[in-house]
Amino acid sequence: MKTKLLEIYGWYGMVAILLAYFLVSFSVITATSLWYQILNGTGALGIVLVSFHQKDYQPGVLNIVWTLIALVAIFKIFI
C-alpha cells in the first residue's frame, strides 16, 4: 500500500509541475501567484518522495531545491 501511495504522489508531482508550467506559459496565472508556487512546491515534493524511495538521488536533490525555492516564494507572497 505504501508503494502505491508513493506512486500516486509521484504522478501527482509530475502533473502538478507540468500544469504549473502550462498555466504560466499561457498566461493563465503568473509566476508570482500563490497557485503557481503551490503546484511547483507540492509537485516537487512528490518527485522527491519517489526519487528517494527508488534511490535515484539526482532528481530528488534537484526537487528538494525546487521545493525550497517554492517555499521562499510563498513566504515572500505573504510578506
C-alpha atoms as a PDB file:
ATOM      1  CA  MET A   1       0.000   0.000   0.000  1.00  0.00           C
ATOM      2  CA  LYS A   2       2.852   2.393   0.836  1.00  0.00           C
ATOM      3  CA  THR A   3       4.416   1.846  -2.588  1.00  0.00           C
ATOM      4  CA  LYS A   4       1.083   2.529  -4.302  1.00  0.00           C
ATOM      5  CA  LEU A   5       0.680   5.839  -2.418  1.00  0.00           C
ATOM      6  CA  LEU A   6       4.228   6.866  -3.352  1.00  0.00           C
ATOM      7  CA  GLU A   7       3.479   6.040  -6.975  1.00  0.00           C
ATOM      8  CA  ILE A   8       0.300   8.143  -6.906  1.00  0.00           C
ATOM      9  CA  TYR A   9       2.078  11.078  -5.279  1.00  0.00           C
ATOM     10  CA  GLY A  10       4.922  10.807  -7.804  1.00  0.00           C
ATOM     11  CA  TRP A  11       2.443  11.028 -10.675  1.00  0.00           C
ATOM     12  CA  TYR A  12       0.761  13.958  -8.938  1.00  0.00           C
ATOM     13  CA  GLY A  13       4.158  15.657  -8.718  1.00  0.00           C
ATOM     14  CA  MET A  14       4.796  15.312 -12.421  1.00  0.00           C
ATOM     15  CA  VAL A  15       1.313  16.531 -13.353  1.00  0.00           C
ATOM     16  CA  ALA A  16       1.461  19.469 -10.898  1.00  0.00           C
ATOM     17  CA  ILE A  17       4.795  20.752 -12.228  1.00  0.00           C
ATOM     18  CA  LEU A  18       3.675  20.411 -15.845  1.00  0.00           C
ATOM     19  CA  LEU A  19       0.354  22.086 -15.062  1.00  0.00           C
ATOM     20  CA  ALA A  20       2.126  24.991 -13.349  1.00  0.00           C
ATOM     21  CA  TYR A  21       4.410  25.434 -16.366  1.00  0.00           C
ATOM     22  CA  PHE A  22       1.477  25.218 -18.776  1.00  0.00           C
ATOM     23  CA  LEU A  23      -0.605  27.763 -16.837  1.00  0.00           C
ATOM     24  CA  VAL A  24       2.268  30.261 -16.665  1.00  0.00           C
ATOM     25  CA  SER A  25       3.262  29.721 -20.306  1.00  0.00           C
ATOM     26  CA  PHE A  26      -0.244  30.541 -21.493  1.00  0.00           C
ATOM     27  CA  SER A  27      -0.711  33.458 -19.068  1.00  0.00           C
ATOM     28  CA  VAL A  28      -3.495  31.809 -17.085  1.00  0.00           C
ATOM     29  CA  ILE A  29      -1.567  32.511 -13.858  1.00  0.00           C
ATOM     30  CA  THR A  30       1.607  34.450 -13.127  1.00  0.00           C
ATOM     31  CA  ALA A  31       4.908  33.072 -11.878  1.00  0.00           C
ATOM     32  CA  THR A  32       4.434  35.127  -8.716  1.00  0.00           C
ATOM     33  CA  SER A  33       0.986  33.707  -7.930  1.00  0.00           C
ATOM     34  CA  LEU A  34       0.365  31.526  -4.907  1.00  0.00           C
ATOM     35  CA  TRP A  35      -1.150  28.748  -7.052  1.00  0.00           C
ATOM     36  CA  TYR A  36       1.951  28.534  -9.226  1.00  0.00           C
ATOM     37  CA  GLN A  37       4.193  28.177  -6.187  1.00  0.00           C
ATOM     38  CA  ILE A  38       1.896  25.626  -4.532  1.00  0.00           C
ATOM     39  CA  LEU A  39       1.793  23.488  -7.675  1.00  0.00           C
ATOM     40  CA  ASN A  40       5.573  23.661  -8.042  1.00  0.00           C
ATOM     41  CA  GLY A  41       6.306  23.004  -4.374  1.00  0.00           C
ATOM     42  CA  THR A  42       3.916  20.105  -3.870  1.00  0.00           C
ATOM     43  CA  GLY A  43       4.809  18.663  -7.256  1.00  0.00           C
ATOM     44  CA  ALA A  44       8.497  18.754  -6.416  1.00  0.00           C
ATOM     45  CA  LEU A  45       7.808  17.047  -3.079  1.00  0.00           C
ATOM     46  CA  GLY A  46       6.059  14.210  -4.895  1.00  0.00           C
ATOM     47  CA  ILE A  47       9.091  13.671  -7.081  1.00  0.00           C
ATOM     48  CA  VAL A  48      11.407  13.866  -4.045  1.00  0.00           C
ATOM     49  CA  LEU A  49       9.488  11.097  -2.268  1.00  0.00           C
ATOM     50  CA  VAL A  50       9.531   8.773  -5.257  1.00  0.00           C
ATOM     51  CA  SER A  51      13.157   9.533  -6.129  1.00  0.00           C
ATOM     52  CA  PHE A  52      14.489   8.774  -2.669  1.00  0.00           C
ATOM     53  CA  HIS A  53      12.305   5.680  -2.356  1.00  0.00           C
ATOM     54  CA  GLN A  54      13.830   4.390  -5.599  1.00  0.00           C
ATOM     55  CA  LYS A  55      17.333   5.506  -4.533  1.00  0.00           C
ATOM     56  CA  ASP A  56      17.507   7.853  -7.516  1.00  0.00           C
ATOM     57  CA  TYR A  57      19.115  10.791  -5.758  1.00  0.00           C
ATOM     58  CA  GLN A  58      19.813  13.331  -8.529  1.00  0.00           C
ATOM     59  CA  PRO A  59      16.157  14.190  -9.252  1.00  0.00           C
ATOM     60  CA  GLY A  60      15.488  14.021  -5.513  1.00  0.00           C
ATOM     61  CA  VAL A  61      18.108  16.648  -4.691  1.00  0.00           C
ATOM     62  CA  LEU A  62      17.033  18.832  -7.627  1.00  0.00           C
ATOM     63  CA  ASN A  63      13.446  18.773  -6.402  1.00  0.00           C
ATOM     64  CA  ILE A  64      14.430  19.494  -2.795  1.00  0.00           C
ATOM     65  CA  VAL A  65      15.943  22.729  -4.111  1.00  0.00           C
ATOM     66  CA  TRP A  66      12.819  23.292  -6.262  1.00  0.00           C
ATOM     67  CA  THR A  67      10.650  22.865  -3.148  1.00  0.00           C
ATOM     68  CA  LEU A  68      12.780  25.266  -1.110  1.00  0.00           C
ATOM     69  CA  ILE A  69      12.532  27.894  -3.854  1.00  0.00           C
ATOM     70  CA  ALA A  70       8.740  27.498  -3.850  1.00  0.00           C
ATOM     71  CA  LEU A  71       8.602  27.811  -0.057  1.00  0.00           C
ATOM     72  CA  VAL A  72      10.673  31.010  -0.096  1.00  0.00           C
ATOM     73  CA  ALA A  73       8.469  32.401  -2.881  1.00  0.00           C
ATOM     74  CA  ILE A  74       5.308  31.566  -0.890  1.00  0.00           C
ATOM     75  CA  PHE A  75       6.834  33.262   2.151  1.00  0.00           C
ATOM     76  CA  LYS A  76       7.570  36.346   0.039  1.00  0.00           C
ATOM     77  CA  ILE A  77       3.974  36.437  -1.213  1.00  0.00           C
ATOM     78  CA  PHE A  78       2.712  36.759   2.357  1.00  0.00           C
ATOM     79  CA  ILE A  79       5.267  39.366   3.466  1.00  0.00           C
END
